[in-house]
Structure formats: C-alpha cells, structure tokens
Amino acid sequence: HSSPHGCSNCPLNMCKGLVIERIQAEPVEGKRKFIYLGDGKGDYC
C-alpha cells in the first residue's frame, strides 16, 4: 500500500529478486558464488 516494489514477476507482498540484489550488494571480501533453490513462480525473478 505505501511502498509497492513494482516488479511484475512477483506477488504484491514480496519481490525475491530485490532480496537477492540486496544480498549481492553486501560488502564482502572476494567474489561470492550463489546457489539458488526453489520451485514456484516467485522464484523466477
């Protein structure tokens, strides 16, 4: 209602893509590699 995420791939209440982008942007030493496991439409983003 107050701050929609604006992602057409995700349900109104949660964009998992934004969560992954936030994790990817965390300051860490060296490059990290990601393994993502999921099943649903919300895991596509």
PDB file of all heavy atoms in Angstrom:
ATOM      1  N   HIS A   1       0.826  -1.205   0.000  1.00  0.00           N
ATOM      2  CA  HIS A   1       0.000   0.000   0.000  1.00  0.00           C
ATOM      3  C   HIS A   1       0.866   1.262   0.000  1.00  0.00           C
ATOM      4  O   HIS A   1       0.617   2.199  -0.775  1.00  0.00           O
ATOM      5  CB  HIS A   1      -0.930   0.010   1.211  1.00  0.00           C
ATOM      6  CG  HIS A   1      -1.930  -1.104   1.215  1.00  0.00           C
ATOM      7  ND1 HIS A   1      -2.907  -1.233   0.260  1.00  0.00           N
ATOM      8  CD2 HIS A   1      -2.080  -2.154   2.067  1.00  0.00           C
ATOM      9  CE1 HIS A   1      -3.634  -2.316   0.509  1.00  0.00           C
ATOM     10  NE2 HIS A   1      -3.151  -2.886   1.607  1.00  0.00           N
ATOM     11  N   SER A   2       1.893   1.292   0.841  1.00  0.00           N
ATOM     12  CA  SER A   2       2.712   2.501   0.969  1.00  0.00           C
ATOM     13  C   SER A   2       3.965   2.489   0.106  1.00  0.00           C
ATOM     14  O   SER A   2       4.453   3.551  -0.303  1.00  0.00           O
ATOM     15  CB  SER A   2       3.121   2.706   2.430  1.00  0.00           C
ATOM     16  OG  SER A   2       3.937   1.632   2.878  1.00  0.00           O
ATOM     17  N   SER A   3       4.520   1.308  -0.162  1.00  0.00           N
ATOM     18  CA  SER A   3       5.770   1.245  -0.936  1.00  0.00           C
ATOM     19  C   SER A   3       5.792  -0.002  -1.822  1.00  0.00           C
ATOM     20  O   SER A   3       6.516  -0.952  -1.537  1.00  0.00           O
ATOM     21  CB  SER A   3       6.974   1.248   0.005  1.00  0.00           C
ATOM     22  OG  SER A   3       6.864   0.194   0.953  1.00  0.00           O
ATOM     23  N   PRO A   4       4.993  -0.015  -2.884  1.00  0.00           N
ATOM     24  CA  PRO A   4       4.974  -1.185  -3.771  1.00  0.00           C
ATOM     25  C   PRO A   4       6.323  -1.408  -4.441  1.00  0.00           C
ATOM     26  O   PRO A   4       7.040  -0.460  -4.752  1.00  0.00           O
ATOM     27  CB  PRO A   4       3.896  -0.811  -4.799  1.00  0.00           C
ATOM     28  CG  PRO A   4       3.809   0.681  -4.756  1.00  0.00           C
ATOM     29  CD  PRO A   4       4.104   1.062  -3.341  1.00  0.00           C
ATOM     30  N   HIS A   5       6.682  -2.684  -4.646  1.00  0.00           N
ATOM     31  CA  HIS A   5       8.007  -2.987  -5.211  1.00  0.00           C
ATOM     32  C   HIS A   5       8.060  -2.810  -6.722  1.00  0.00           C
ATOM     33  O   HIS A   5       9.137  -2.644  -7.294  1.00  0.00           O
ATOM     34  CB  HIS A   5       8.447  -4.399  -4.824  1.00  0.00           C
ATOM     35  CG  HIS A   5       7.489  -5.481  -5.212  1.00  0.00           C
ATOM     36  ND1 HIS A   5       7.231  -5.830  -6.510  1.00  0.00           N
ATOM     37  CD2 HIS A   5       6.726  -6.323  -4.445  1.00  0.00           C
ATOM     38  CE1 HIS A   5       6.371  -6.833  -6.549  1.00  0.00           C
ATOM     39  NE2 HIS A   5       6.036  -7.148  -5.316  1.00  0.00           N
ATOM     40  N   GLY A   6       6.912  -2.850  -7.399  1.00  0.00           N
ATOM     41  CA  GLY A   6       6.884  -2.549  -8.825  1.00  0.00           C
ATOM     42  C   GLY A   6       7.360  -3.652  -9.750  1.00  0.00           C
ATOM     43  O   GLY A   6       7.565  -3.410 -10.947  1.00  0.00           O
ATOM     44  N   CYS A   7       7.539  -4.865  -9.249  1.00  0.00           N
ATOM     45  CA  CYS A   7       8.011  -5.974 -10.081  1.00  0.00           C
ATOM     46  C   CYS A   7       6.814  -6.766 -10.590  1.00  0.00           C
ATOM     47  O   CYS A   7       6.045  -7.319  -9.797  1.00  0.00           O
ATOM     48  CB  CYS A   7       8.947  -6.880  -9.290  1.00  0.00           C
ATOM     49  SG  CYS A   7       9.482  -8.346 -10.210  1.00  0.00           S
ATOM     50  N   SER A   8       6.678  -6.864 -11.898  1.00  0.00           N
ATOM     51  CA  SER A   8       5.522  -7.555 -12.487  1.00  0.00           C
ATOM     52  C   SER A   8       5.630  -9.072 -12.391  1.00  0.00           C
ATOM     53  O   SER A   8       4.641  -9.781 -12.591  1.00  0.00           O
ATOM     54  CB  SER A   8       5.372  -7.145 -13.959  1.00  0.00           C
ATOM     55  OG  SER A   8       6.532  -7.489 -14.694  1.00  0.00           O
ATOM     56  N   ASN A   9       6.826  -9.593 -12.096  1.00  0.00           N
ATOM     57  CA  ASN A   9       7.012 -11.042 -11.995  1.00  0.00           C
ATOM     58  C   ASN A   9       6.615 -11.603 -10.639  1.00  0.00           C
ATOM     59  O   ASN A   9       6.488 -12.827 -10.492  1.00  0.00           O
ATOM     60  CB  ASN A   9       8.476 -11.415 -12.264  1.00  0.00           C
ATOM     61  CG  ASN A   9       8.863 -11.261 -13.721  1.00  0.00           C
ATOM     62  OD1 ASN A   9       8.091 -11.578 -14.604  1.00  0.00           O
ATOM     63  ND2 ASN A   9      10.080 -10.775 -13.961  1.00  0.00           N
ATOM     64  N   CYS A  10       6.454 -10.737  -9.637  1.00  0.00           N
ATOM     65  CA  CYS A  10       6.317 -11.192  -8.253  1.00  0.00           C
ATOM     66  C   CYS A  10       4.968 -10.801  -7.657  1.00  0.00           C
ATOM     67  O   CYS A  10       4.333  -9.849  -8.107  1.00  0.00           O
ATOM     68  CB  CYS A  10       7.445 -10.601  -7.404  1.00  0.00           C
ATOM     69  SG  CYS A  10       9.085 -11.186  -7.886  1.00  0.00           S
ATOM     70  N   PRO A  11       4.526 -11.520  -6.606  1.00  0.00           N
ATOM     71  CA  PRO A  11       3.299 -11.126  -5.907  1.00  0.00           C
ATOM     72  C   PRO A  11       3.486  -9.788  -5.209  1.00  0.00           C
ATOM     73  O   PRO A  11       4.611  -9.347  -4.958  1.00  0.00           O
ATOM     74  CB  PRO A  11       3.095 -12.257  -4.898  1.00  0.00           C
ATOM     75  CG  PRO A  11       4.453 -12.841  -4.699  1.00  0.00           C
ATOM     76  CD  PRO A  11       5.152 -12.721  -6.025  1.00  0.00           C
ATOM     77  N   LEU A  12       2.364  -9.143  -4.891  1.00  0.00           N
ATOM     78  CA  LEU A  12       2.413  -7.795  -4.329  1.00  0.00           C
ATOM     79  C   LEU A  12       3.237  -7.711  -3.049  1.00  0.00           C
ATOM     80  O   LEU A  12       3.907  -6.709  -2.798  1.00  0.00           O
ATOM     81  CB  LEU A  12       0.987  -7.301  -4.041  1.00  0.00           C
ATOM     82  CG  LEU A  12       0.075  -7.059  -5.242  1.00  0.00           C
ATOM     83  CD1 LEU A  12      -1.330  -6.708  -4.768  1.00  0.00           C
ATOM     84  CD2 LEU A  12       0.630  -5.944  -6.118  1.00  0.00           C
ATOM     85  N   ASN A  13       3.186  -8.753  -2.228  1.00  0.00           N
ATOM     86  CA  ASN A  13       3.775  -8.655  -0.894  1.00  0.00           C
ATOM     87  C   ASN A  13       5.274  -8.927  -0.838  1.00  0.00           C
ATOM     88  O   ASN A  13       5.931  -8.592   0.139  1.00  0.00           O
ATOM     89  CB  ASN A  13       3.085  -9.635   0.057  1.00  0.00           C
ATOM     90  CG  ASN A  13       3.231 -11.082  -0.404  1.00  0.00           C
ATOM     91  OD1 ASN A  13       2.599 -11.477  -1.383  1.00  0.00           O
ATOM     92  ND2 ASN A  13       4.054 -11.860   0.268  1.00  0.00           N
ATOM     93  N   MET A  14       5.856  -9.529  -1.914  1.00  0.00           N
ATOM     94  CA  MET A  14       7.278  -9.847  -1.830  1.00  0.00           C
ATOM     95  C   MET A  14       7.905 -10.033  -3.198  1.00  0.00           C
ATOM     96  O   MET A  14       7.442 -10.859  -3.984  1.00  0.00           O
ATOM     97  CB  MET A  14       7.509 -11.103  -0.997  1.00  0.00           C
ATOM     98  CG  MET A  14       8.984 -11.392  -0.731  1.00  0.00           C
ATOM     99  SD  MET A  14       9.223 -12.825   0.352  1.00  0.00           S
ATOM    100  CE  MET A  14      10.951 -12.602   0.800  1.00  0.00           C
ATOM    101  N   CYS A  15       8.976  -9.276  -3.461  1.00  0.00           N
ATOM    102  CA  CYS A  15       9.810  -9.486  -4.640  1.00  0.00           C
ATOM    103  C   CYS A  15      11.116 -10.117  -4.164  1.00  0.00           C
ATOM    104  O   CYS A  15      11.956  -9.453  -3.556  1.00  0.00           O
ATOM    105  CB  CYS A  15      10.090  -8.174  -5.371  1.00  0.00           C
ATOM    106  SG  CYS A  15      11.276  -8.348  -6.736  1.00  0.00           S
ATOM    107  N   LYS A  16      11.281 -11.404  -4.444  1.00  0.00           N
ATOM    108  CA  LYS A  16      12.500 -12.094  -4.019  1.00  0.00           C
ATOM    109  C   LYS A  16      13.722 -11.592  -4.800  1.00  0.00           C
ATOM    110  O   LYS A  16      14.856 -11.690  -4.297  1.00  0.00           O
ATOM    111  CB  LYS A  16      12.342 -13.592  -4.206  1.00  0.00           C
ATOM    112  CG  LYS A  16      11.291 -14.227  -3.303  1.00  0.00           C
ATOM    113  CD  LYS A  16      11.284 -15.743  -3.470  1.00  0.00           C
ATOM    114  CE  LYS A  16      10.260 -16.406  -2.591  1.00  0.00           C
ATOM    115  NZ  LYS A  16      10.278 -17.883  -2.725  1.00  0.00           N
ATOM    116  N   GLY A  17      13.497 -11.077  -5.996  1.00  0.00           N
ATOM    117  CA  GLY A  17      14.608 -10.538  -6.772  1.00  0.00           C
ATOM    118  C   GLY A  17      15.276  -9.369  -6.073  1.00  0.00           C
ATOM    119  O   GLY A  17      16.507  -9.240  -6.078  1.00  0.00           O
ATOM    120  N   LEU A  18      14.484  -8.513  -5.442  1.00  0.00           N
ATOM    121  CA  LEU A  18      15.041  -7.385  -4.689  1.00  0.00           C
ATOM    122  C   LEU A  18      15.848  -7.880  -3.493  1.00  0.00           C
ATOM    123  O   LEU A  18      16.872  -7.279  -3.140  1.00  0.00           O
ATOM    124  CB  LEU A  18      13.921  -6.455  -4.218  1.00  0.00           C
ATOM    125  CG  LEU A  18      13.241  -5.610  -5.298  1.00  0.00           C
ATOM    126  CD1 LEU A  18      12.107  -4.789  -4.684  1.00  0.00           C
ATOM    127  CD2 LEU A  18      14.254  -4.687  -5.982  1.00  0.00           C
ATOM    128  N   VAL A  19      15.401  -8.959  -2.880  1.00  0.00           N
ATOM    129  CA  VAL A  19      16.139  -9.527  -1.749  1.00  0.00           C
ATOM    130  C   VAL A  19      17.501 -10.033  -2.216  1.00  0.00           C
ATOM    131  O   VAL A  19      18.535  -9.772  -1.580  1.00  0.00           O
ATOM    132  CB  VAL A  19      15.342 -10.664  -1.090  1.00  0.00           C
ATOM    133  CG1 VAL A  19      16.155 -11.282   0.046  1.00  0.00           C
ATOM    134  CG2 VAL A  19      14.006 -10.161  -0.574  1.00  0.00           C
ATOM    135  N   ILE A  20      17.529 -10.743  -3.342  1.00  0.00           N
ATOM    136  CA  ILE A  20      18.787 -11.258  -3.872  1.00  0.00           C
ATOM    137  C   ILE A  20      19.723 -10.112  -4.243  1.00  0.00           C
ATOM    138  O   ILE A  20      20.936 -10.166  -3.962  1.00  0.00           O
ATOM    139  CB  ILE A  20      18.528 -12.159  -5.095  1.00  0.00           C
ATOM    140  CG1 ILE A  20      17.808 -13.443  -4.653  1.00  0.00           C
ATOM    141  CG2 ILE A  20      19.836 -12.517  -5.802  1.00  0.00           C
ATOM    142  CD1 ILE A  20      18.580 -14.288  -3.672  1.00  0.00           C
ATOM    143  N   GLU A  21      19.199  -9.061  -4.851  1.00  0.00           N
ATOM    144  CA  GLU A  21      20.035  -7.909  -5.198  1.00  0.00           C
ATOM    145  C   GLU A  21      20.644  -7.281  -3.955  1.00  0.00           C
ATOM    146  O   GLU A  21      21.813  -6.867  -3.963  1.00  0.00           O
ATOM    147  CB  GLU A  21      19.212  -6.871  -5.962  1.00  0.00           C
ATOM    148  CG  GLU A  21      18.884  -7.272  -7.386  1.00  0.00           C
ATOM    149  CD  GLU A  21      18.149  -6.205  -8.137  1.00  0.00           C
ATOM    150  OE1 GLU A  21      17.418  -5.412  -7.499  1.00  0.00           O
ATOM    151  OE2 GLU A  21      18.279  -6.145  -9.380  1.00  0.00           O
ATOM    152  N   ARG A  22      19.876  -7.220  -2.887  1.00  0.00           N
ATOM    153  CA  ARG A  22      20.393  -6.653  -1.636  1.00  0.00           C
ATOM    154  C   ARG A  22      21.507  -7.533  -1.064  1.00  0.00           C
ATOM    155  O   ARG A  22      22.538  -7.024  -0.611  1.00  0.00           O
ATOM    156  CB  ARG A  22      19.249  -6.514  -0.632  1.00  0.00           C
ATOM    157  CG  ARG A  22      19.598  -5.682   0.609  1.00  0.00           C
ATOM    158  CD  ARG A  22      19.994  -6.530   1.777  1.00  0.00           C
ATOM    159  NE  ARG A  22      18.927  -7.460   2.131  1.00  0.00           N
ATOM    160  CZ  ARG A  22      19.120  -8.559   2.844  1.00  0.00           C
ATOM    161  NH1 ARG A  22      20.338  -8.887   3.258  1.00  0.00           N
ATOM    162  NH2 ARG A  22      18.112  -9.366   3.139  1.00  0.00           N
ATOM    163  N   ILE A  23      21.332  -8.845  -1.123  1.00  0.00           N
ATOM    164  CA  ILE A  23      22.370  -9.757  -0.637  1.00  0.00           C
ATOM    165  C   ILE A  23      23.621  -9.649  -1.500  1.00  0.00           C
ATOM    166  O   ILE A  23      24.757  -9.623  -0.992  1.00  0.00           O
ATOM    167  CB  ILE A  23      21.853 -11.208  -0.619  1.00  0.00           C
ATOM    168  CG1 ILE A  23      20.687 -11.346   0.377  1.00  0.00           C
ATOM    169  CG2 ILE A  23      22.971 -12.181  -0.255  1.00  0.00           C
ATOM    170  CD1 ILE A  23      19.992 -12.698   0.334  1.00  0.00           C
ATOM    171  N   GLN A  24      23.439  -9.572  -2.810  1.00  0.00           N
ATOM    172  CA  GLN A  24      24.572  -9.462  -3.730  1.00  0.00           C
ATOM    173  C   GLN A  24      25.373  -8.179  -3.494  1.00  0.00           C
ATOM    174  O   GLN A  24      26.583  -8.151  -3.716  1.00  0.00           O
ATOM    175  CB  GLN A  24      24.088  -9.505  -5.178  1.00  0.00           C
ATOM    176  CG  GLN A  24      23.566 -10.863  -5.623  1.00  0.00           C
ATOM    177  CD  GLN A  24      22.893 -10.815  -6.981  1.00  0.00           C
ATOM    178  OE1 GLN A  24      22.289  -9.802  -7.345  1.00  0.00           O
ATOM    179  NE2 GLN A  24      22.990 -11.890  -7.736  1.00  0.00           N
ATOM    180  N   ALA A  25      24.694  -7.131  -3.036  1.00  0.00           N
ATOM    181  CA  ALA A  25      25.347  -5.839  -2.848  1.00  0.00           C
ATOM    182  C   ALA A  25      26.041  -5.701  -1.495  1.00  0.00           C
ATOM    183  O   ALA A  25      26.690  -4.685  -1.231  1.00  0.00           O
ATOM    184  CB  ALA A  25      24.314  -4.716  -3.006  1.00  0.00           C
ATOM    185  N   GLU A  26      25.934  -6.700  -0.647  1.00  0.00           N
ATOM    186  CA  GLU A  26      26.569  -6.629   0.669  1.00  0.00           C
ATOM    187  C   GLU A  26      28.090  -6.514   0.516  1.00  0.00           C
ATOM    188  O   GLU A  26      28.690  -7.180  -0.334  1.00  0.00           O
ATOM    189  CB  GLU A  26      26.235  -7.871   1.482  1.00  0.00           C
ATOM    190  CG  GLU A  26      24.785  -7.972   1.896  1.00  0.00           C
ATOM    191  CD  GLU A  26      24.462  -9.303   2.550  1.00  0.00           C
ATOM    192  OE1 GLU A  26      25.296 -10.216   2.473  1.00  0.00           O
ATOM    193  OE2 GLU A  26      23.357  -9.427   3.124  1.00  0.00           O
ATOM    194  N   PRO A  27      28.729  -5.673   1.322  1.00  0.00           N
ATOM    195  CA  PRO A  27      30.191  -5.542   1.235  1.00  0.00           C
ATOM    196  C   PRO A  27      30.886  -6.771   1.815  1.00  0.00           C
ATOM    197  O   PRO A  27      30.760  -7.068   3.003  1.00  0.00           O
ATOM    198  CB  PRO A  27      30.474  -4.296   2.075  1.00  0.00           C
ATOM    199  CG  PRO A  27      29.323  -4.190   3.036  1.00  0.00           C
ATOM    200  CD  PRO A  27      28.133  -4.753   2.315  1.00  0.00           C
ATOM    201  N   VAL A  28      31.567  -7.509   0.971  1.00  0.00           N
ATOM    202  CA  VAL A  28      32.295  -8.702   1.404  1.00  0.00           C
ATOM    203  C   VAL A  28      33.647  -8.726   0.711  1.00  0.00           C
ATOM    204  O   VAL A  28      33.854  -8.075  -0.307  1.00  0.00           O
ATOM    205  CB  VAL A  28      31.527  -9.999   1.074  1.00  0.00           C
ATOM    206  CG1 VAL A  28      30.238 -10.091   1.868  1.00  0.00           C
ATOM    207  CG2 VAL A  28      31.246 -10.097  -0.417  1.00  0.00           C
ATOM    208  N   GLU A  29      34.553  -9.496   1.284  1.00  0.00           N
ATOM    209  CA  GLU A  29      35.875  -9.649   0.685  1.00  0.00           C
ATOM    210  C   GLU A  29      35.845 -10.796  -0.323  1.00  0.00           C
ATOM    211  O   GLU A  29      35.463 -11.918   0.010  1.00  0.00           O
ATOM    212  CB  GLU A  29      36.916  -9.947   1.766  1.00  0.00           C
ATOM    213  CG  GLU A  29      38.344 -10.045   1.234  1.00  0.00           C
ATOM    214  CD  GLU A  29      39.355 -10.283   2.335  1.00  0.00           C
ATOM    215  OE1 GLU A  29      38.983 -10.131   3.519  1.00  0.00           O
ATOM    216  OE2 GLU A  29      40.506 -10.610   2.009  1.00  0.00           O
ATOM    217  N   GLY A  30      36.221 -10.512  -1.552  1.00  0.00           N
ATOM    218  CA  GLY A  30      36.227 -11.532  -2.587  1.00  0.00           C
ATOM    219  C   GLY A  30      34.866 -11.697  -3.232  1.00  0.00           C
ATOM    220  O   GLY A  30      33.858 -11.134  -2.795  1.00  0.00           O
ATOM    221  N   LYS A  31      34.833 -12.478  -4.281  1.00  0.00           N
ATOM    222  CA  LYS A  31      33.606 -12.715  -5.032  1.00  0.00           C
ATOM    223  C   LYS A  31      32.882 -13.934  -4.480  1.00  0.00           C
ATOM    224  O   LYS A  31      33.486 -14.973  -4.239  1.00  0.00           O
ATOM    225  CB  LYS A  31      33.937 -12.932  -6.518  1.00  0.00           C
ATOM    226  CG  LYS A  31      32.722 -13.212  -7.390  1.00  0.00           C
ATOM    227  CD  LYS A  31      33.100 -13.340  -8.845  1.00  0.00           C
ATOM    228  CE  LYS A  31      31.913 -13.784  -9.703  1.00  0.00           C
ATOM    229  NZ  LYS A  31      30.769 -12.881  -9.607  1.00  0.00           N
ATOM    230  N   ARG A  32      31.594 -13.789  -4.285  1.00  0.00           N
ATOM    231  CA  ARG A  32      30.784 -14.907  -3.811  1.00  0.00           C
ATOM    232  C   ARG A  32      30.056 -15.570  -4.975  1.00  0.00           C
ATOM    233  O   ARG A  32      29.703 -14.920  -5.958  1.00  0.00           O
ATOM    234  CB  ARG A  32      29.760 -14.429  -2.786  1.00  0.00           C
ATOM    235  CG  ARG A  32      30.373 -13.876  -1.523  1.00  0.00           C
ATOM    236  CD  ARG A  32      29.305 -13.471  -0.523  1.00  0.00           C
ATOM    237  NE  ARG A  32      28.489 -12.364  -1.024  1.00  0.00           N
ATOM    238  CZ  ARG A  32      27.468 -11.818  -0.355  1.00  0.00           C
ATOM    239  NH1 ARG A  32      27.135 -12.298   0.821  1.00  0.00           N
ATOM    240  NH2 ARG A  32      26.785 -10.812  -0.849  1.00  0.00           N
ATOM    241  N   LYS A  33      29.841 -16.858  -4.844  1.00  0.00           N
ATOM    242  CA  LYS A  33      29.035 -17.578  -5.817  1.00  0.00           C
ATOM    243  C   LYS A  33      27.742 -18.017  -5.149  1.00  0.00           C
ATOM    244  O   LYS A  33      27.738 -18.422  -3.982  1.00  0.00           O
ATOM    245  CB  LYS A  33      29.799 -18.778  -6.375  1.00  0.00           C
ATOM    246  CG  LYS A  33      31.010 -18.359  -7.208  1.00  0.00           C
ATOM    247  CD  LYS A  33      31.570 -19.515  -8.010  1.00  0.00           C
ATOM    248  CE  LYS A  33      32.705 -19.017  -8.911  1.00  0.00           C
ATOM    249  NZ  LYS A  33      33.246 -20.087  -9.780  1.00  0.00           N
ATOM    250  N   PHE A  34      26.657 -17.928  -5.902  1.00  0.00           N
ATOM    251  CA  PHE A  34      25.331 -18.211  -5.361  1.00  0.00           C
ATOM    252  C   PHE A  34      24.763 -19.499  -5.938  1.00  0.00           C
ATOM    253  O   PHE A  34      24.920 -19.790  -7.128  1.00  0.00           O
ATOM    254  CB  PHE A  34      24.370 -17.061  -5.666  1.00  0.00           C
ATOM    255  CG  PHE A  34      24.593 -15.832  -4.834  1.00  0.00           C
ATOM    256  CD1 PHE A  34      25.648 -14.975  -5.119  1.00  0.00           C
ATOM    257  CD2 PHE A  34      23.771 -15.530  -3.759  1.00  0.00           C
ATOM    258  CE1 PHE A  34      25.871 -13.841  -4.354  1.00  0.00           C
ATOM    259  CE2 PHE A  34      23.984 -14.401  -2.994  1.00  0.00           C
ATOM    260  CZ  PHE A  34      25.037 -13.550  -3.286  1.00  0.00           C
ATOM    261  N   ILE A  35      24.104 -20.258  -5.078  1.00  0.00           N
ATOM    262  CA  ILE A  35      23.292 -21.397  -5.499  1.00  0.00           C
ATOM    263  C   ILE A  35      21.879 -21.125  -4.985  1.00  0.00           C
ATOM    264  O   ILE A  35      21.677 -20.955  -3.778  1.00  0.00           O
ATOM    265  CB  ILE A  35      23.808 -22.723  -4.924  1.00  0.00           C
ATOM    266  CG1 ILE A  35      25.269 -22.956  -5.311  1.00  0.00           C
ATOM    267  CG2 ILE A  35      22.939 -23.889  -5.415  1.00  0.00           C
ATOM    268  CD1 ILE A  35      25.887 -24.199  -4.648  1.00  0.00           C
ATOM    269  N   TYR A  36      20.917 -21.036  -5.893  1.00  0.00           N
ATOM    270  CA  TYR A  36      19.535 -20.713  -5.510  1.00  0.00           C
ATOM    271  C   TYR A  36      18.637 -21.913  -5.775  1.00  0.00           C
ATOM    272  O   TYR A  36      18.614 -22.461  -6.876  1.00  0.00           O
ATOM    273  CB  TYR A  36      19.019 -19.505  -6.299  1.00  0.00           C
ATOM    274  CG  TYR A  36      17.666 -19.025  -5.827  1.00  0.00           C
ATOM    275  CD1 TYR A  36      17.564 -17.997  -4.901  1.00  0.00           C
ATOM    276  CD2 TYR A  36      16.495 -19.618  -6.278  1.00  0.00           C
ATOM    277  CE1 TYR A  36      16.328 -17.571  -4.442  1.00  0.00           C
ATOM    278  CE2 TYR A  36      15.252 -19.212  -5.830  1.00  0.00           C
ATOM    279  CZ  TYR A  36      15.173 -18.185  -4.911  1.00  0.00           C
ATOM    280  OH  TYR A  36      13.939 -17.778  -4.452  1.00  0.00           O
ATOM    281  N   LEU A  37      17.874 -22.327  -4.755  1.00  0.00           N
ATOM    282  CA  LEU A  37      16.966 -23.466  -4.878  1.00  0.00           C
ATOM    283  C   LEU A  37      15.536 -23.014  -4.659  1.00  0.00           C
ATOM    284  O   LEU A  37      15.236 -22.317  -3.679  1.00  0.00           O
ATOM    285  CB  LEU A  37      17.294 -24.544  -3.843  1.00  0.00           C
ATOM    286  CG  LEU A  37      18.687 -25.161  -3.873  1.00  0.00           C
ATOM    287  CD1 LEU A  37      19.653 -24.388  -2.969  1.00  0.00           C
ATOM    288  CD2 LEU A  37      18.634 -26.626  -3.437  1.00  0.00           C
ATOM    289  N   GLY A  38      14.647 -23.393  -5.592  1.00  0.00           N
ATOM    290  CA  GLY A  38      13.253 -23.005  -5.454  1.00  0.00           C
ATOM    291  C   GLY A  38      12.348 -23.832  -6.341  1.00  0.00           C
ATOM    292  O   GLY A  38      12.793 -24.706  -7.083  1.00  0.00           O
ATOM    293  N   ASP A  39      11.053 -23.524  -6.262  1.00  0.00           N
ATOM    294  CA  ASP A  39      10.077 -24.303  -7.030  1.00  0.00           C
ATOM    295  C   ASP A  39       9.018 -23.448  -7.708  1.00  0.00           C
ATOM    296  O   ASP A  39       8.474 -23.830  -8.742  1.00  0.00           O
ATOM    297  CB  ASP A  39       9.366 -25.300  -6.106  1.00  0.00           C
ATOM    298  CG  ASP A  39       8.404 -24.590  -5.164  1.00  0.00           C
ATOM    299  OD1 ASP A  39       8.865 -23.992  -4.174  1.00  0.00           O
ATOM    300  OD2 ASP A  39       7.191 -24.605  -5.427  1.00  0.00           O
ATOM    301  N   GLY A  40       8.675 -22.287  -7.132  1.00  0.00           N
ATOM    302  CA  GLY A  40       7.485 -21.564  -7.570  1.00  0.00           C
ATOM    303  C   GLY A  40       7.725 -20.401  -8.505  1.00  0.00           C
ATOM    304  O   GLY A  40       8.865 -20.041  -8.820  1.00  0.00           O
ATOM    305  N   LYS A  41       6.622 -19.786  -8.931  1.00  0.00           N
ATOM    306  CA  LYS A  41       6.706 -18.631  -9.825  1.00  0.00           C
ATOM    307  C   LYS A  41       7.504 -17.502  -9.192  1.00  0.00           C
ATOM    308  O   LYS A  41       8.236 -16.785  -9.873  1.00  0.00           O
ATOM    309  CB  LYS A  41       5.303 -18.141 -10.173  1.00  0.00           C
ATOM    310  CG  LYS A  41       4.507 -19.085 -11.051  1.00  0.00           C
ATOM    311  CD  LYS A  41       3.131 -18.505 -11.362  1.00  0.00           C
ATOM    312  CE  LYS A  41       2.332 -19.451 -12.259  1.00  0.00           C
ATOM    313  NZ  LYS A  41       0.979 -18.897 -12.548  1.00  0.00           N
ATOM    314  N   GLY A  42       7.368 -17.332  -7.873  1.00  0.00           N
ATOM    315  CA  GLY A  42       8.081 -16.262  -7.180  1.00  0.00           C
ATOM    316  C   GLY A  42       9.581 -16.450  -7.152  1.00  0.00           C
ATOM    317  O   GLY A  42      10.325 -15.522  -6.818  1.00  0.00           O
ATOM    318  N   ASP A  43      10.053 -17.651  -7.510  1.00  0.00           N
ATOM    319  CA  ASP A  43      11.491 -17.923  -7.533  1.00  0.00           C
ATOM    320  C   ASP A  43      12.115 -17.622  -8.894  1.00  0.00           C
ATOM    321  O   ASP A  43      13.338 -17.716  -9.042  1.00  0.00           O
ATOM    322  CB  ASP A  43      11.755 -19.394  -7.171  1.00  0.00           C
ATOM    323  CG  ASP A  43      11.309 -19.726  -5.759  1.00  0.00           C
ATOM    324  OD1 ASP A  43      11.722 -19.000  -4.839  1.00  0.00           O
ATOM    325  OD2 ASP A  43      10.537 -20.685  -5.589  1.00  0.00           O
ATOM    326  N   TYR A  44      11.289 -17.246  -9.862  1.00  0.00           N
ATOM    327  CA  TYR A  44      11.817 -16.934 -11.193  1.00  0.00           C
ATOM    328  C   TYR A  44      12.575 -15.607 -11.194  1.00  0.00           C
ATOM    329  O   TYR A  44      13.688 -15.512 -11.724  1.00  0.00           O
ATOM    330  CB  TYR A  44      10.686 -16.886 -12.213  1.00  0.00           C
ATOM    331  CG  TYR A  44      11.143 -16.627 -13.622  1.00  0.00           C
ATOM    332  CD1 TYR A  44      12.014 -17.494 -14.270  1.00  0.00           C
ATOM    333  CD2 TYR A  44      10.709 -15.499 -14.320  1.00  0.00           C
ATOM    334  CE1 TYR A  44      12.440 -17.252 -15.570  1.00  0.00           C
ATOM    335  CE2 TYR A  44      11.128 -15.259 -15.614  1.00  0.00           C
ATOM    336  CZ  TYR A  44      11.985 -16.134 -16.239  1.00  0.00           C
ATOM    337  OH  TYR A  44      12.416 -15.886 -17.523  1.00  0.00           O
ATOM    338  N   CYS A  45      12.007 -14.585 -10.559  1.00  0.00           N
ATOM    339  CA  CYS A  45      12.651 -13.268 -10.515  1.00  0.00           C
ATOM    340  C   CYS A  45      14.047 -13.341  -9.891  1.00  0.00           C
ATOM    341  O   CYS A  45      15.008 -12.838 -10.484  1.00  0.00           O
ATOM    342  CB  CYS A  45      11.768 -12.277  -9.765  1.00  0.00           C
ATOM    343  SG  CYS A  45      12.440 -10.593  -9.680  1.00  0.00           S
TER     344      CYS A  45
END
